[in-house]
C-alpha atoms as a PDB file:
ATOM      1  CA  MET A   1       0.000   0.000   0.000  1.00  0.00           C
ATOM      2  CA  VAL A   2       1.316   3.427  -0.922  1.00  0.00           C
ATOM      3  CA  GLU A   3       1.320   5.877   1.932  1.00  0.00           C
ATOM      4  CA  TYR A   4       0.440   9.490   1.280  1.00  0.00           C
ATOM      5  CA  LEU A   5       3.919  10.647   2.324  1.00  0.00           C
ATOM      6  CA  GLU A   6       5.459   8.417  -0.345  1.00  0.00           C
ATOM      7  CA  LEU A   7       3.233   9.956  -2.992  1.00  0.00           C
ATOM      8  CA  ILE A   8       4.099  13.453  -1.779  1.00  0.00           C
ATOM      9  CA  ALA A   9       7.808  12.588  -2.008  1.00  0.00           C
ATOM     10  CA  VAL A  10       7.369  11.374  -5.582  1.00  0.00           C
ATOM     11  CA  MET A  11       5.426  14.502  -6.526  1.00  0.00           C
ATOM     12  CA  ASP A  12       8.152  16.666  -4.992  1.00  0.00           C
ATOM     13  CA  ASP A  13      10.781  14.806  -6.998  1.00  0.00           C
ATOM     14  CA  LEU A  14       8.817  15.211 -10.226  1.00  0.00           C
ATOM     15  CA  LYS A  15       8.933  18.986  -9.798  1.00  0.00           C
ATOM     16  CA  TYR A  16      12.584  18.849 -10.882  1.00  0.00           C
ATOM     17  CA  LEU A  17      11.406  17.932 -14.374  1.00  0.00           C
ATOM     18  CA  GLY A  18       9.853  21.381 -14.552  1.00  0.00           C
ATOM     19  CA  ARG A  19      13.380  22.737 -14.991  1.00  0.00           C
ATOM     20  CA  LEU A  20      13.593  21.229 -18.451  1.00  0.00           C
ATOM     21  CA  ASN A  21      13.218  23.573 -21.377  1.00  0.00           C
ATOM     22  CA  LYS A  22      12.635  22.225 -24.874  1.00  0.00           C
ATOM     23  CA  GLU A  23      16.338  22.068 -25.739  1.00  0.00           C
ATOM     24  CA  ASP A  24      17.247  20.244 -22.515  1.00  0.00           C
ATOM     25  CA  PHE A  25      14.268  17.916 -22.975  1.00  0.00           C
ATOM     26  CA  LYS A  26      15.458  16.988 -26.445  1.00  0.00           C
ATOM     27  CA  GLU A  27      19.071  16.537 -25.362  1.00  0.00           C
ATOM     28  CA  LEU A  28      18.071  14.388 -22.404  1.00  0.00           C
ATOM     29  CA  LEU A  29      15.442  12.142 -23.954  1.00  0.00           C
ATOM     30  CA  PHE A  30      15.413  12.443 -27.736  1.00  0.00           C
ATOM     31  CA  PRO A  31      18.827  13.685 -28.892  1.00  0.00           C
ATOM     32  CA  ASP A  32      18.481  12.396 -32.455  1.00  0.00           C
ATOM     33  CA  ALA A  33      14.792  13.165 -32.938  1.00  0.00           C
ATOM     34  CA  VAL A  34      13.527  15.256 -35.818  1.00  0.00           C
ATOM     35  CA  ASP A  35      11.118  18.068 -35.017  1.00  0.00           C
ATOM     36  CA  SER A  36       8.092  16.151 -36.343  1.00  0.00           C
ATOM     37  CA  TYR A  37       8.714  13.518 -33.648  1.00  0.00           C
ATOM     38  CA  LEU A  38       9.971  15.812 -30.899  1.00  0.00           C
ATOM     39  CA  ASN A  39       7.276  18.488 -31.028  1.00  0.00           C
ATOM     40  CA  PRO A  40       4.341  16.210 -30.100  1.00  0.00           C
ATOM     41  CA  LYS A  41       6.409  14.711 -27.272  1.00  0.00           C
ATOM     42  CA  TRP A  42       7.266  18.177 -25.959  1.00  0.00           C
ATOM     43  CA  THR A  43       3.635  19.284 -26.232  1.00  0.00           C
ATOM     44  CA  LEU A  44       2.477  16.223 -24.294  1.00  0.00           C
ATOM     45  CA  PHE A  45       5.164  16.830 -21.664  1.00  0.00           C
ATOM     46  CA  GLN A  46       4.010  20.431 -21.283  1.00  0.00           C
ATOM     47  CA  ASN A  47       0.252  19.883 -21.427  1.00  0.00           C
ATOM     48  CA  ASN A  48      -0.321  16.465 -19.913  1.00  0.00           C
ATOM     49  CA  PHE A  49       2.659  15.473 -17.846  1.00  0.00           C
ATOM     50  CA  LEU A  50       1.149  12.291 -16.433  1.00  0.00           C
ATOM     51  CA  ASP A  51       0.173  11.009 -19.878  1.00  0.00           C
ATOM     52  CA  PHE A  52       3.695  11.758 -21.043  1.00  0.00           C
ATOM     53  CA  LEU A  53       5.158   9.669 -18.208  1.00  0.00           C
ATOM     54  CA  TRP A  54       2.753   6.823 -18.953  1.00  0.00           C
ATOM     55  CA  SER A  55       3.864   6.899 -22.586  1.00  0.00           C
ATOM     56  CA  CYS A  56       7.566   6.591 -21.715  1.00  0.00           C
ATOM     57  CA  SER A  57       9.510   3.397 -22.177  1.00  0.00           C
ATOM     58  CA  LEU A  58      11.442   2.008 -19.235  1.00  0.00           C
ATOM     59  CA  ASP A  59      14.720   3.406 -20.588  1.00  0.00           C
ATOM     60  CA  LYS A  60      13.236   6.922 -20.709  1.00  0.00           C
ATOM     61  CA  ILE A  61      11.923   6.552 -17.151  1.00  0.00           C
ATOM     62  CA  LYS A  62      15.414   5.561 -16.018  1.00  0.00           C
ATOM     63  CA  ILE A  63      16.863   8.645 -17.727  1.00  0.00           C
ATOM     64  CA  LEU A  64      14.304  10.868 -15.997  1.00  0.00           C
ATOM     65  CA  VAL A  65      15.027   9.308 -12.589  1.00  0.00           C
ATOM     66  CA  HIS A  66      18.754   9.836 -13.127  1.00  0.00           C
ATOM     67  CA  TYR A  67      18.085  13.479 -14.049  1.00  0.00           C
ATOM     68  CA  ILE A  68      15.962  13.978 -10.919  1.00  0.00           C
ATOM     69  CA  ASN A  69      18.638  12.423  -8.713  1.00  0.00           C
ATOM     70  CA  ASP A  70      21.313  14.637 -10.274  1.00  0.00           C
ATOM     71  CA  CYS A  71      19.158  17.689  -9.559  1.00  0.00           C
ATOM     72  CA  LYS A  72      18.584  16.610  -5.963  1.00  0.00           C
ATOM     73  CA  GLU A  73      22.326  16.119  -5.466  1.00  0.00           C
ATOM     74  CA  GLY A  74      23.055  19.563  -6.880  1.00  0.00           C
ATOM     75  CA  LYS A  75      24.823  18.238  -9.969  1.00  0.00           C
ATOM     76  CA  LEU A  76      22.469  20.131 -12.296  1.00  0.00           C
END
C-alpha cells in the first residue's frame, strides 16, 4: 500500500522535471529526434505530464530518474 507521504515525495521529486526547457528535454530524452517527432512529445510533456510519463519506455523513465537524482544532489 502506498502511503500518502510516499506519494508526496514522488510529486516533490517530479517537480525537478519542470526545470527542463525544450532544448534540454530533447538533449536528455530524444537527442536524435527530428522536429516532427519531438514536437508532439514536448507538447504532451508540457500539457499532460502524467500522460507523457505513462507513454515513456522504461529506458526513458530511467533517464528521468537519473536526471531527478542529479538535480537533488546539486549536480544540475
